[in-house]
Amino acid sequence: MSIERRSGLLPYLLSRVSEDTKKPAPLVLFLHGARDRGNDLNVLLKWGLPRFVNESSPLPYFFAAPQLPEGQTWVEREADVIALLDNLIVSQSIDPARVILSGFSLGTAGAWHIAASHPRRFAGLVAVSGRVPTSLEEPQLAALKEIPIQIFQGAKDEKLAIEDTQQIVDTLQAAGGTTDFTVLPEGDHFIADEVYTDPKLQQWLISQSRRTSVAI
């Protein structure tokens, strides 16, 4: 599939939906991990969800992946991520009620923060190999119960404790949230290829929808 390289407040990759889709389509917005920061968008295509999209036949969703400069975090660039989302919804045939936010590692921390700060913007959250930022306050965490969440973690990930993630899952489920936690028994921190190529997850990405769209 052809992926466009675009400039902006944050440079980003963009893949358009398959041509035979006439109705507004979902968008998967992906936030990369720490080692993919820099000024070369091609780095993002080496693995994980960007590589899957790049090597696949046309997919039934739009895909966008901004890139952070060295030394920055997604929490710091929250406003620019939302600005990119707004621009994509205005300029592309995207259904604003079907936007999925996903992240890997540093990107997962950013995804948790951005989804909690803007819960009405997202139909789902996919968190891969990342922790929930300790800076999130209880009301923000409570807002996440309205968003279906898929969490993936490797059992052999030395950077993350399974118990910490399970505690967040338990908290969200107790609040009435829809949260699925998948532990890959042989997985370490770098499980993105295995996670994003799973047909079940790919189907999940296009099956989520918020009940009401957000006015832009």
N, C-alpha and C. Protein backbone atom coordinates (compact mmCIF):
# COMPACT_ATOMS: atom_id res chain seq x y z
N MET A 1 0.84 -1.19 0.00
CA MET A 1 0.00 0.00 0.00
C MET A 1 0.88 1.24 0.00
N SER A 2 0.43 2.27 -0.70
CA SER A 2 1.19 3.51 -0.78
C SER A 2 0.92 4.38 0.45
N ILE A 3 1.98 4.74 1.16
CA ILE A 3 1.87 5.63 2.32
C ILE A 3 2.46 6.98 1.96
N GLU A 4 1.70 8.03 2.21
CA GLU A 4 2.17 9.38 1.94
C GLU A 4 2.97 9.90 3.14
N ARG A 5 3.95 10.73 2.84
CA ARG A 5 4.72 11.42 3.87
C ARG A 5 4.34 12.89 3.82
N ARG A 6 3.85 13.40 4.95
CA ARG A 6 3.32 14.77 4.97
C ARG A 6 3.99 15.60 6.06
N SER A 7 4.05 16.90 5.83
CA SER A 7 4.63 17.82 6.81
C SER A 7 3.51 18.52 7.58
N GLY A 8 3.87 19.18 8.68
CA GLY A 8 2.92 19.89 9.51
C GLY A 8 3.55 20.22 10.84
N LEU A 9 2.72 20.56 11.84
CA LEU A 9 3.26 20.79 13.18
C LEU A 9 4.04 19.58 13.64
N LEU A 10 3.54 18.40 13.27
CA LEU A 10 4.27 17.15 13.39
C LEU A 10 4.25 16.48 12.02
N PRO A 11 5.41 16.10 11.47
CA PRO A 11 5.37 15.35 10.22
C PRO A 11 4.67 14.02 10.45
N TYR A 12 4.01 13.49 9.42
CA TYR A 12 3.25 12.26 9.65
C TYR A 12 3.12 11.43 8.39
N LEU A 13 2.88 10.15 8.61
CA LEU A 13 2.54 9.21 7.55
C LEU A 13 1.03 9.18 7.41
N LEU A 14 0.56 9.03 6.18
CA LEU A 14 -0.88 8.92 5.93
C LEU A 14 -1.14 7.84 4.90
N SER A 15 -2.05 6.94 5.23
CA SER A 15 -2.51 5.92 4.29
C SER A 15 -4.02 6.09 4.14
N ARG A 16 -4.48 6.15 2.89
CA ARG A 16 -5.90 6.34 2.64
C ARG A 16 -6.65 5.01 2.65
N VAL A 17 -7.94 5.09 2.86
CA VAL A 17 -8.79 3.92 2.90
C VAL A 17 -8.87 3.30 1.51
N SER A 18 -9.23 2.00 1.46
CA SER A 18 -9.39 1.31 0.19
C SER A 18 -10.38 2.05 -0.71
N GLU A 19 -10.11 2.08 -1.98
CA GLU A 19 -10.87 2.91 -2.92
C GLU A 19 -12.34 2.53 -3.03
N ASP A 20 -12.68 1.27 -2.75
CA ASP A 20 -14.07 0.84 -2.95
C ASP A 20 -14.98 1.21 -1.79
N THR A 21 -14.44 1.89 -0.78
CA THR A 21 -15.25 2.33 0.35
C THR A 21 -15.81 3.72 0.06
N LYS A 22 -17.12 3.83 -0.05
CA LYS A 22 -17.74 5.09 -0.43
C LYS A 22 -18.20 5.90 0.79
N LYS A 23 -18.50 5.23 1.89
CA LYS A 23 -18.93 5.93 3.09
C LYS A 23 -17.73 6.41 3.88
N PRO A 24 -17.91 7.42 4.75
CA PRO A 24 -16.82 7.83 5.65
C PRO A 24 -16.28 6.61 6.42
N ALA A 25 -14.98 6.53 6.52
CA ALA A 25 -14.33 5.34 7.07
C ALA A 25 -13.64 5.64 8.40
N PRO A 26 -13.30 4.58 9.15
CA PRO A 26 -12.58 4.79 10.41
C PRO A 26 -11.18 5.36 10.18
N LEU A 27 -10.61 5.88 11.24
CA LEU A 27 -9.22 6.33 11.26
C LEU A 27 -8.51 5.66 12.42
N VAL A 28 -7.33 5.11 12.17
CA VAL A 28 -6.46 4.62 13.24
C VAL A 28 -5.28 5.59 13.34
N LEU A 29 -5.19 6.25 14.48
CA LEU A 29 -4.13 7.24 14.74
C LEU A 29 -3.10 6.58 15.66
N PHE A 30 -1.87 6.46 15.17
CA PHE A 30 -0.83 5.69 15.87
C PHE A 30 0.28 6.60 16.39
N LEU A 31 0.66 6.37 17.66
CA LEU A 31 1.75 7.10 18.31
C LEU A 31 2.91 6.15 18.57
N HIS A 32 4.06 6.44 18.00
CA HIS A 32 5.22 5.54 18.06
C HIS A 32 5.94 5.61 19.41
N GLY A 33 6.92 4.73 19.56
CA GLY A 33 7.71 4.66 20.78
C GLY A 33 8.94 5.57 20.75
N ALA A 34 9.70 5.54 21.85
CA ALA A 34 10.80 6.49 22.05
C ALA A 34 11.90 6.35 21.00
N ARG A 35 12.21 5.13 20.60
CA ARG A 35 13.36 4.96 19.71
C ARG A 35 13.08 5.40 18.28
N ASP A 36 11.81 5.70 17.96
CA ASP A 36 11.47 6.13 16.60
C ASP A 36 11.32 7.64 16.47
N ARG A 37 11.71 8.37 17.53
CA ARG A 37 11.71 9.83 17.43
C ARG A 37 12.81 10.30 16.48
N GLY A 38 12.62 11.49 15.91
CA GLY A 38 13.64 12.03 15.02
C GLY A 38 13.02 12.82 13.89
N ASN A 39 13.68 12.82 12.74
CA ASN A 39 13.20 13.60 11.59
C ASN A 39 13.17 12.77 10.31
N ASP A 40 13.02 11.45 10.46
CA ASP A 40 12.96 10.56 9.31
C ASP A 40 11.74 9.66 9.44
N LEU A 41 10.69 9.96 8.69
CA LEU A 41 9.46 9.18 8.78
C LEU A 41 9.65 7.73 8.36
N ASN A 42 10.67 7.45 7.56
CA ASN A 42 10.90 6.07 7.12
C ASN A 42 11.21 5.13 8.28
N VAL A 43 11.72 5.69 9.37
CA VAL A 43 12.03 4.88 10.56
C VAL A 43 10.77 4.19 11.08
N LEU A 44 9.63 4.87 10.98
CA LEU A 44 8.38 4.32 11.50
C LEU A 44 7.94 3.09 10.72
N LEU A 45 8.38 2.97 9.47
CA LEU A 45 7.92 1.89 8.59
C LEU A 45 8.66 0.58 8.82
N LYS A 46 9.61 0.56 9.72
CA LYS A 46 10.44 -0.63 9.89
C LYS A 46 9.75 -1.75 10.64
N TRP A 47 8.69 -1.41 11.41
CA TRP A 47 8.05 -2.47 12.20
C TRP A 47 6.71 -1.99 12.73
N GLY A 48 6.00 -2.93 13.39
CA GLY A 48 4.75 -2.60 14.06
C GLY A 48 3.63 -2.24 13.10
N LEU A 49 2.70 -1.42 13.57
CA LEU A 49 1.52 -1.07 12.78
C LEU A 49 1.87 -0.32 11.48
N PRO A 50 2.79 0.65 11.49
CA PRO A 50 3.11 1.31 10.22
C PRO A 50 3.61 0.32 9.15
N ARG A 51 4.45 -0.62 9.53
CA ARG A 51 4.92 -1.59 8.54
C ARG A 51 3.78 -2.47 8.05
N PHE A 52 2.91 -2.91 8.96
CA PHE A 52 1.77 -3.72 8.56
C PHE A 52 0.92 -2.98 7.53
N VAL A 53 0.62 -1.71 7.80
CA VAL A 53 -0.20 -0.92 6.86
C VAL A 53 0.52 -0.78 5.52
N ASN A 54 1.81 -0.50 5.57
CA ASN A 54 2.59 -0.27 4.36
C ASN A 54 2.67 -1.52 3.48
N GLU A 55 2.69 -2.69 4.11
CA GLU A 55 2.86 -3.93 3.36
C GLU A 55 1.55 -4.63 3.04
N SER A 56 0.42 -4.05 3.48
CA SER A 56 -0.88 -4.68 3.27
C SER A 56 -1.55 -4.18 1.99
N SER A 57 -2.53 -4.96 1.54
CA SER A 57 -3.43 -4.48 0.50
C SER A 57 -4.24 -3.33 1.10
N PRO A 58 -4.95 -2.56 0.26
CA PRO A 58 -5.75 -1.46 0.80
C PRO A 58 -6.62 -1.91 1.97
N LEU A 59 -6.58 -1.13 3.04
CA LEU A 59 -7.28 -1.48 4.27
C LEU A 59 -8.58 -0.68 4.39
N PRO A 60 -9.52 -1.15 5.20
CA PRO A 60 -10.81 -0.46 5.32
C PRO A 60 -10.78 0.70 6.31
N TYR A 61 -9.60 1.23 6.59
CA TYR A 61 -9.50 2.39 7.48
C TYR A 61 -8.36 3.31 7.03
N PHE A 62 -8.52 4.59 7.33
CA PHE A 62 -7.42 5.53 7.18
C PHE A 62 -6.40 5.26 8.29
N PHE A 63 -5.14 5.58 8.02
CA PHE A 63 -4.08 5.39 9.01
C PHE A 63 -3.20 6.64 9.01
N ALA A 64 -2.91 7.15 10.19
CA ALA A 64 -2.01 8.29 10.32
C ALA A 64 -1.05 8.05 11.48
N ALA A 65 0.23 8.41 11.26
CA ALA A 65 1.25 8.22 12.30
C ALA A 65 2.18 9.41 12.31
N PRO A 66 1.98 10.35 13.25
CA PRO A 66 2.91 11.49 13.38
C PRO A 66 4.23 11.04 14.00
N GLN A 67 5.24 11.89 13.85
CA GLN A 67 6.55 11.59 14.42
C GLN A 67 7.02 12.72 15.32
N LEU A 68 7.50 12.34 16.50
CA LEU A 68 8.05 13.30 17.45
C LEU A 68 9.51 13.63 17.14
N PRO A 69 9.94 14.87 17.39
CA PRO A 69 11.37 15.17 17.36
C PRO A 69 12.08 14.47 18.52
N GLU A 70 13.38 14.34 18.42
CA GLU A 70 14.16 13.76 19.50
C GLU A 70 13.92 14.50 20.81
N GLY A 71 13.80 13.74 21.88
CA GLY A 71 13.72 14.34 23.21
C GLY A 71 12.34 14.77 23.65
N GLN A 72 11.34 14.68 22.78
CA GLN A 72 10.00 15.13 23.15
C GLN A 72 9.09 13.94 23.48
N THR A 73 7.97 14.25 24.13
CA THR A 73 6.98 13.22 24.47
C THR A 73 5.63 13.60 23.87
N TRP A 74 4.75 12.61 23.80
CA TRP A 74 3.41 12.85 23.25
C TRP A 74 2.56 13.72 24.18
N VAL A 75 2.83 13.62 25.47
CA VAL A 75 2.08 14.47 26.41
C VAL A 75 2.38 15.93 26.13
N GLU A 76 3.64 16.24 25.83
CA GLU A 76 4.03 17.62 25.51
C GLU A 76 3.38 18.10 24.21
N ARG A 77 3.13 17.19 23.28
CA ARG A 77 2.60 17.57 21.98
C ARG A 77 1.12 17.20 21.82
N GLU A 78 0.43 17.06 22.94
CA GLU A 78 -0.99 16.70 22.93
C GLU A 78 -1.81 17.59 22.00
N ALA A 79 -1.64 18.90 22.12
CA ALA A 79 -2.43 19.84 21.32
C ALA A 79 -2.18 19.64 19.83
N ASP A 80 -0.94 19.31 19.46
CA ASP A 80 -0.62 19.12 18.05
C ASP A 80 -1.21 17.81 17.52
N VAL A 81 -1.28 16.80 18.36
CA VAL A 81 -1.92 15.55 17.94
C VAL A 81 -3.41 15.78 17.68
N ILE A 82 -4.06 16.52 18.57
CA ILE A 82 -5.48 16.82 18.39
C ILE A 82 -5.69 17.71 17.16
N ALA A 83 -4.78 18.65 16.93
CA ALA A 83 -4.87 19.50 15.74
C ALA A 83 -4.74 18.66 14.47
N LEU A 84 -3.85 17.69 14.48
CA LEU A 84 -3.71 16.79 13.34
C LEU A 84 -4.99 16.00 13.12
N LEU A 85 -5.56 15.50 14.20
CA LEU A 85 -6.82 14.76 14.10
C LEU A 85 -7.91 15.64 13.49
N ASP A 86 -8.04 16.87 13.96
CA ASP A 86 -9.04 17.79 13.43
C ASP A 86 -8.84 18.01 11.93
N ASN A 87 -7.59 18.21 11.53
CA ASN A 87 -7.27 18.46 10.13
C ASN A 87 -7.62 17.26 9.26
N LEU A 88 -7.33 16.07 9.74
CA LEU A 88 -7.62 14.85 8.97
C LEU A 88 -9.13 14.66 8.79
N ILE A 89 -9.88 14.92 9.84
CA ILE A 89 -11.34 14.74 9.76
C ILE A 89 -11.95 15.73 8.77
N VAL A 90 -11.40 16.94 8.73
CA VAL A 90 -11.91 17.95 7.81
C VAL A 90 -11.51 17.65 6.36
N SER A 91 -10.29 17.14 6.18
CA SER A 91 -9.74 17.02 4.82
C SER A 91 -9.94 15.65 4.18
N GLN A 92 -10.27 14.63 4.99
CA GLN A 92 -10.44 13.28 4.46
C GLN A 92 -11.85 12.77 4.77
N SER A 93 -12.23 11.70 4.09
CA SER A 93 -13.56 11.11 4.30
C SER A 93 -13.52 10.18 5.51
N ILE A 94 -13.32 10.79 6.69
CA ILE A 94 -13.17 10.05 7.94
C ILE A 94 -14.43 10.22 8.78
N ASP A 95 -14.89 9.13 9.37
CA ASP A 95 -16.02 9.17 10.28
C ASP A 95 -15.51 9.57 11.67
N PRO A 96 -15.84 10.76 12.17
CA PRO A 96 -15.30 11.21 13.45
C PRO A 96 -15.77 10.37 14.64
N ALA A 97 -16.79 9.54 14.43
CA ALA A 97 -17.27 8.66 15.49
C ALA A 97 -16.54 7.32 15.50
N ARG A 98 -15.56 7.16 14.59
CA ARG A 98 -14.87 5.88 14.47
C ARG A 98 -13.35 6.08 14.43
N VAL A 99 -12.87 6.88 15.36
CA VAL A 99 -11.43 7.14 15.47
C VAL A 99 -10.84 6.28 16.57
N ILE A 100 -9.84 5.48 16.23
CA ILE A 100 -9.13 4.64 17.19
C ILE A 100 -7.76 5.25 17.45
N LEU A 101 -7.39 5.37 18.71
CA LEU A 101 -6.07 5.86 19.09
C LEU A 101 -5.25 4.69 19.60
N SER A 102 -4.04 4.54 19.07
CA SER A 102 -3.18 3.44 19.50
C SER A 102 -1.77 3.94 19.72
N GLY A 103 -1.05 3.27 20.61
CA GLY A 103 0.32 3.65 20.87
C GLY A 103 1.17 2.45 21.27
N PHE A 104 2.47 2.60 21.05
CA PHE A 104 3.44 1.61 21.51
C PHE A 104 4.42 2.28 22.47
N SER A 105 4.61 1.69 23.66
CA SER A 105 5.59 2.13 24.64
C SER A 105 5.39 3.60 24.99
N LEU A 106 6.32 4.48 24.65
CA LEU A 106 6.14 5.92 24.90
C LEU A 106 4.83 6.41 24.28
N GLY A 107 4.51 5.85 23.13
CA GLY A 107 3.26 6.22 22.46
C GLY A 107 2.03 5.77 23.22
N THR A 108 2.14 4.65 23.94
CA THR A 108 1.02 4.19 24.75
C THR A 108 0.77 5.15 25.91
N ALA A 109 1.83 5.60 26.55
CA ALA A 109 1.67 6.59 27.62
C ALA A 109 0.98 7.84 27.08
N GLY A 110 1.37 8.25 25.87
CA GLY A 110 0.72 9.40 25.25
C GLY A 110 -0.73 9.13 24.90
N ALA A 111 -1.00 7.92 24.42
CA ALA A 111 -2.36 7.56 24.03
C ALA A 111 -3.29 7.55 25.25
N TRP A 112 -2.83 6.98 26.36
CA TRP A 112 -3.62 7.00 27.59
C TRP A 112 -3.95 8.44 27.98
N HIS A 113 -2.93 9.30 27.97
CA HIS A 113 -3.12 10.69 28.39
C HIS A 113 -4.08 11.43 27.46
N ILE A 114 -3.88 11.29 26.15
CA ILE A 114 -4.70 12.03 25.20
C ILE A 114 -6.14 11.51 25.21
N ALA A 115 -6.32 10.20 25.30
CA ALA A 115 -7.67 9.64 25.35
C ALA A 115 -8.40 10.08 26.61
N ALA A 116 -7.69 10.11 27.73
CA ALA A 116 -8.31 10.53 28.99
C ALA A 116 -8.64 12.01 28.98
N SER A 117 -7.84 12.81 28.28
CA SER A 117 -8.07 14.25 28.22
C SER A 117 -9.14 14.62 27.20
N HIS A 118 -9.37 13.73 26.22
CA HIS A 118 -10.35 13.99 25.15
C HIS A 118 -11.20 12.74 24.91
N PRO A 119 -11.88 12.25 25.92
CA PRO A 119 -12.56 10.96 25.80
C PRO A 119 -13.67 10.93 24.75
N ARG A 120 -14.24 12.09 24.43
CA ARG A 120 -15.33 12.12 23.45
C ARG A 120 -14.82 12.06 22.01
N ARG A 121 -13.52 12.05 21.84
CA ARG A 121 -12.95 12.05 20.50
C ARG A 121 -12.67 10.65 19.96
N PHE A 122 -12.68 9.64 20.83
CA PHE A 122 -12.18 8.34 20.40
C PHE A 122 -13.19 7.22 20.62
N ALA A 123 -13.22 6.30 19.64
CA ALA A 123 -14.10 5.13 19.71
C ALA A 123 -13.40 3.93 20.33
N GLY A 124 -12.09 4.01 20.47
CA GLY A 124 -11.35 2.90 21.05
C GLY A 124 -9.91 3.28 21.30
N LEU A 125 -9.26 2.52 22.17
CA LEU A 125 -7.86 2.74 22.52
C LEU A 125 -7.15 1.39 22.50
N VAL A 126 -5.99 1.34 21.82
CA VAL A 126 -5.16 0.14 21.80
C VAL A 126 -3.81 0.51 22.41
N ALA A 127 -3.50 -0.11 23.55
CA ALA A 127 -2.28 0.20 24.30
C ALA A 127 -1.33 -1.00 24.25
N VAL A 128 -0.15 -0.78 23.69
CA VAL A 128 0.82 -1.87 23.52
C VAL A 128 2.11 -1.53 24.25
N SER A 129 2.50 -2.38 25.19
CA SER A 129 3.78 -2.27 25.90
C SER A 129 4.00 -0.89 26.52
N GLY A 130 2.99 -0.39 27.21
CA GLY A 130 3.15 0.93 27.82
C GLY A 130 2.35 1.07 29.09
N ARG A 131 2.78 1.98 29.95
CA ARG A 131 2.11 2.19 31.22
C ARG A 131 1.21 3.41 31.18
N VAL A 132 0.28 3.44 32.11
CA VAL A 132 -0.58 4.61 32.27
C VAL A 132 0.22 5.69 33.01
N PRO A 133 0.28 6.92 32.48
CA PRO A 133 1.05 7.97 33.16
C PRO A 133 0.53 8.22 34.58
N THR A 134 1.44 8.37 35.53
CA THR A 134 1.05 8.63 36.91
C THR A 134 0.45 10.02 37.06
N SER A 135 0.64 10.87 36.05
CA SER A 135 0.10 12.23 36.11
C SER A 135 -1.41 12.28 35.89
N LEU A 136 -1.99 11.19 35.39
CA LEU A 136 -3.44 11.19 35.16
C LEU A 136 -4.18 11.21 36.48
N GLU A 137 -5.11 12.15 36.61
CA GLU A 137 -5.89 12.25 37.83
C GLU A 137 -7.12 11.35 37.75
N GLU A 138 -7.71 11.09 38.90
CA GLU A 138 -8.82 10.14 38.98
C GLU A 138 -9.98 10.48 38.04
N PRO A 139 -10.41 11.75 37.93
CA PRO A 139 -11.50 12.05 36.99
C PRO A 139 -11.16 11.71 35.54
N GLN A 140 -9.88 11.88 35.17
CA GLN A 140 -9.47 11.53 33.81
C GLN A 140 -9.52 10.03 33.60
N LEU A 141 -9.06 9.28 34.57
CA LEU A 141 -9.14 7.82 34.47
C LEU A 141 -10.58 7.35 34.38
N ALA A 142 -11.45 8.00 35.16
CA ALA A 142 -12.86 7.63 35.14
C ALA A 142 -13.46 7.84 33.76
N ALA A 143 -13.00 8.86 33.04
CA ALA A 143 -13.53 9.15 31.72
C ALA A 143 -13.21 8.04 30.72
N LEU A 144 -12.14 7.29 30.98
CA LEU A 144 -11.73 6.22 30.08
C LEU A 144 -12.70 5.05 30.07
N LYS A 145 -13.57 4.97 31.05
CA LYS A 145 -14.51 3.84 31.09
C LYS A 145 -15.50 3.89 29.93
N GLU A 146 -15.61 5.05 29.29
CA GLU A 146 -16.51 5.18 28.14
C GLU A 146 -15.88 4.70 26.84
N ILE A 147 -14.58 4.38 26.87
CA ILE A 147 -13.85 4.00 25.66
C ILE A 147 -13.46 2.53 25.73
N PRO A 148 -13.86 1.68 24.79
CA PRO A 148 -13.37 0.31 24.75
C PRO A 148 -11.85 0.30 24.60
N ILE A 149 -11.18 -0.51 25.41
CA ILE A 149 -9.71 -0.50 25.45
C ILE A 149 -9.16 -1.91 25.27
N GLN A 150 -8.18 -2.04 24.41
CA GLN A 150 -7.42 -3.27 24.24
C GLN A 150 -5.99 -3.02 24.72
N ILE A 151 -5.54 -3.83 25.67
CA ILE A 151 -4.19 -3.68 26.23
C ILE A 151 -3.39 -4.96 25.94
N PHE A 152 -2.15 -4.77 25.45
CA PHE A 152 -1.28 -5.90 25.14
C PHE A 152 0.07 -5.70 25.83
N GLN A 153 0.55 -6.78 26.44
CA GLN A 153 1.83 -6.70 27.14
C GLN A 153 2.52 -8.07 27.09
N GLY A 154 3.84 -8.06 26.98
CA GLY A 154 4.61 -9.29 27.00
C GLY A 154 4.89 -9.72 28.42
N ALA A 155 4.74 -11.02 28.69
CA ALA A 155 5.00 -11.53 30.04
C ALA A 155 6.47 -11.38 30.44
N LYS A 156 7.35 -11.28 29.43
CA LYS A 156 8.78 -11.17 29.70
C LYS A 156 9.29 -9.74 29.49
N ASP A 157 8.37 -8.78 29.55
CA ASP A 157 8.72 -7.36 29.40
C ASP A 157 9.34 -6.87 30.70
N GLU A 158 10.63 -6.58 30.68
CA GLU A 158 11.34 -6.15 31.88
C GLU A 158 11.07 -4.69 32.23
N LYS A 159 10.44 -3.95 31.30
CA LYS A 159 10.18 -2.53 31.54
C LYS A 159 8.86 -2.29 32.27
N LEU A 160 7.96 -3.30 32.25
CA LEU A 160 6.61 -3.12 32.79
C LEU A 160 6.24 -4.28 33.70
N ALA A 161 5.51 -3.96 34.77
CA ALA A 161 5.03 -5.00 35.68
C ALA A 161 3.60 -5.36 35.31
N ILE A 162 3.34 -6.64 35.12
CA ILE A 162 2.00 -7.12 34.80
C ILE A 162 1.01 -6.66 35.87
N GLU A 163 1.45 -6.68 37.13
CA GLU A 163 0.58 -6.33 38.25
C GLU A 163 0.09 -4.87 38.15
N ASP A 164 0.97 -3.98 37.71
CA ASP A 164 0.58 -2.57 37.59
C ASP A 164 -0.49 -2.39 36.52
N THR A 165 -0.30 -3.08 35.40
CA THR A 165 -1.29 -2.98 34.32
C THR A 165 -2.61 -3.60 34.76
N GLN A 166 -2.54 -4.73 35.44
CA GLN A 166 -3.75 -5.41 35.89
C GLN A 166 -4.54 -4.53 36.85
N GLN A 167 -3.83 -3.76 37.66
CA GLN A 167 -4.51 -2.87 38.60
C GLN A 167 -5.34 -1.82 37.85
N ILE A 168 -4.79 -1.26 36.77
CA ILE A 168 -5.52 -0.30 35.96
C ILE A 168 -6.73 -0.96 35.32
N VAL A 169 -6.54 -2.17 34.80
CA VAL A 169 -7.63 -2.92 34.19
C VAL A 169 -8.75 -3.14 35.20
N ASP A 170 -8.38 -3.57 36.39
CA ASP A 170 -9.37 -3.82 37.44
C ASP A 170 -10.14 -2.55 37.79
N THR A 171 -9.42 -1.43 37.86
CA THR A 171 -10.05 -0.15 38.20
C THR A 171 -11.06 0.25 37.14
N LEU A 172 -10.68 0.13 35.87
CA LEU A 172 -11.56 0.52 34.78
C LEU A 172 -12.78 -0.41 34.70
N GLN A 173 -12.55 -1.70 34.87
CA GLN A 173 -13.66 -2.65 34.80
C GLN A 173 -14.63 -2.45 35.96
N ALA A 174 -14.09 -2.13 37.14
CA ALA A 174 -14.95 -1.87 38.29
C ALA A 174 -15.81 -0.63 38.07
N ALA A 175 -15.31 0.31 37.26
CA ALA A 175 -16.05 1.53 36.96
C ALA A 175 -17.04 1.34 35.81
N GLY A 176 -17.07 0.13 35.26
CA GLY A 176 -18.00 -0.15 34.17
C GLY A 176 -17.39 -0.07 32.80
N GLY A 177 -16.08 0.03 32.71
CA GLY A 177 -15.41 0.12 31.42
C GLY A 177 -15.28 -1.22 30.72
N THR A 178 -15.07 -1.16 29.41
CA THR A 178 -14.84 -2.36 28.60
C THR A 178 -13.35 -2.43 28.30
N THR A 179 -12.63 -3.25 29.04
CA THR A 179 -11.18 -3.31 28.93
C THR A 179 -10.73 -4.76 28.83
N ASP A 180 -10.02 -5.09 27.75
CA ASP A 180 -9.47 -6.43 27.56
C ASP A 180 -7.96 -6.36 27.69
N PHE A 181 -7.39 -7.25 28.49
CA PHE A 181 -5.96 -7.28 28.75
C PHE A 181 -5.39 -8.61 28.25
N THR A 182 -4.52 -8.54 27.25
CA THR A 182 -3.90 -9.74 26.66
C THR A 182 -2.43 -9.76 27.00
N VAL A 183 -1.99 -10.84 27.65
CA VAL A 183 -0.58 -11.03 27.98
C VAL A 183 -0.01 -12.08 27.03
N LEU A 184 1.05 -11.72 26.31
CA LEU A 184 1.71 -12.66 25.41
C LEU A 184 2.77 -13.40 26.22
N PRO A 185 2.60 -14.70 26.45
CA PRO A 185 3.46 -15.45 27.37
C PRO A 185 4.95 -15.37 27.05
N GLU A 186 5.30 -15.38 25.77
CA GLU A 186 6.71 -15.36 25.39
C GLU A 186 7.18 -13.98 24.94
N GLY A 187 6.31 -13.00 25.06
CA GLY A 187 6.64 -11.67 24.55
C GLY A 187 7.49 -10.84 25.48
N ASP A 188 8.39 -10.05 24.88
CA ASP A 188 9.15 -9.07 25.67
C ASP A 188 8.53 -7.70 25.42
N HIS A 189 9.32 -6.64 25.45
CA HIS A 189 8.76 -5.31 25.26
C HIS A 189 8.32 -5.07 23.81
N PHE A 190 9.04 -5.72 22.89
CA PHE A 190 8.84 -5.42 21.46
C PHE A 190 7.91 -6.45 20.81
N ILE A 191 6.62 -6.31 21.11
CA ILE A 191 5.61 -7.25 20.63
C ILE A 191 4.72 -6.65 19.55
N ALA A 192 5.08 -5.47 19.06
CA ALA A 192 4.19 -4.74 18.16
C ALA A 192 3.87 -5.50 16.88
N ASP A 193 4.85 -6.18 16.29
CA ASP A 193 4.58 -6.92 15.06
C ASP A 193 3.52 -7.98 15.29
N GLU A 194 3.67 -8.74 16.36
CA GLU A 194 2.72 -9.80 16.66
C GLU A 194 1.33 -9.25 16.97
N VAL A 195 1.27 -8.16 17.70
CA VAL A 195 -0.02 -7.59 18.10
C VAL A 195 -0.79 -7.06 16.90
N TYR A 196 -0.15 -6.23 16.12
CA TYR A 196 -0.88 -5.50 15.08
C TYR A 196 -1.22 -6.34 13.85
N THR A 197 -0.54 -7.47 13.66
CA THR A 197 -0.87 -8.34 12.53
C THR A 197 -1.97 -9.34 12.87
N ASP A 198 -2.45 -9.34 14.10
CA ASP A 198 -3.51 -10.26 14.51
C ASP A 198 -4.83 -9.89 13.81
N PRO A 199 -5.41 -10.80 13.04
CA PRO A 199 -6.67 -10.49 12.34
C PRO A 199 -7.80 -10.07 13.28
N LYS A 200 -7.80 -10.60 14.50
CA LYS A 200 -8.86 -10.25 15.45
C LYS A 200 -8.76 -8.77 15.83
N LEU A 201 -7.54 -8.29 16.05
CA LEU A 201 -7.37 -6.88 16.39
C LEU A 201 -7.71 -6.01 15.19
N GLN A 202 -7.28 -6.44 14.00
CA GLN A 202 -7.60 -5.66 12.81
C GLN A 202 -9.11 -5.52 12.62
N GLN A 203 -9.84 -6.57 12.91
CA GLN A 203 -11.29 -6.50 12.81
C GLN A 203 -11.87 -5.59 13.89
N TRP A 204 -11.28 -5.64 15.08
CA TRP A 204 -11.73 -4.80 16.19
C TRP A 204 -11.58 -3.32 15.84
N LEU A 205 -10.49 -2.97 15.16
CA LEU A 205 -10.23 -1.57 14.83
C LEU A 205 -11.36 -0.96 14.01
N ILE A 206 -11.99 -1.75 13.16
CA ILE A 206 -13.04 -1.20 12.29
C ILE A 206 -14.45 -1.46 12.82
N SER A 207 -14.55 -2.13 13.95
CA SER A 207 -15.87 -2.48 14.48
C SER A 207 -16.34 -1.54 15.60
N GLN A 208 -15.45 -0.63 16.03
CA GLN A 208 -15.81 0.26 17.14
C GLN A 208 -16.44 1.55 16.60
N SER A 209 -17.41 2.06 17.32
CA SER A 209 -18.05 3.31 16.94
C SER A 209 -18.66 3.99 18.16
N ARG A 210 -18.41 5.28 18.27
CA ARG A 210 -19.06 6.04 19.33
C ARG A 210 -20.50 6.31 18.94
N ARG A 211 -21.34 6.50 19.93
CA ARG A 211 -22.77 6.71 19.66
C ARG A 211 -23.06 8.05 19.02
N THR A 212 -22.23 9.05 19.35
CA THR A 212 -22.42 10.37 18.78
C THR A 212 -21.10 10.88 18.24
N SER A 213 -21.15 11.60 17.14
CA SER A 213 -19.96 12.20 16.57
C SER A 213 -19.62 13.49 17.29
N VAL A 214 -18.38 13.89 17.20
CA VAL A 214 -17.95 15.15 17.81
C VAL A 214 -17.97 16.23 16.74
N ALA A 215 -18.59 17.32 17.04
CA ALA A 215 -18.66 18.41 16.09
C ALA A 215 -17.28 19.04 15.91
N ILE A 216 -16.91 19.29 14.70
CA ILE A 216 -15.61 19.89 14.41
C ILE A 216 -15.79 21.35 14.01
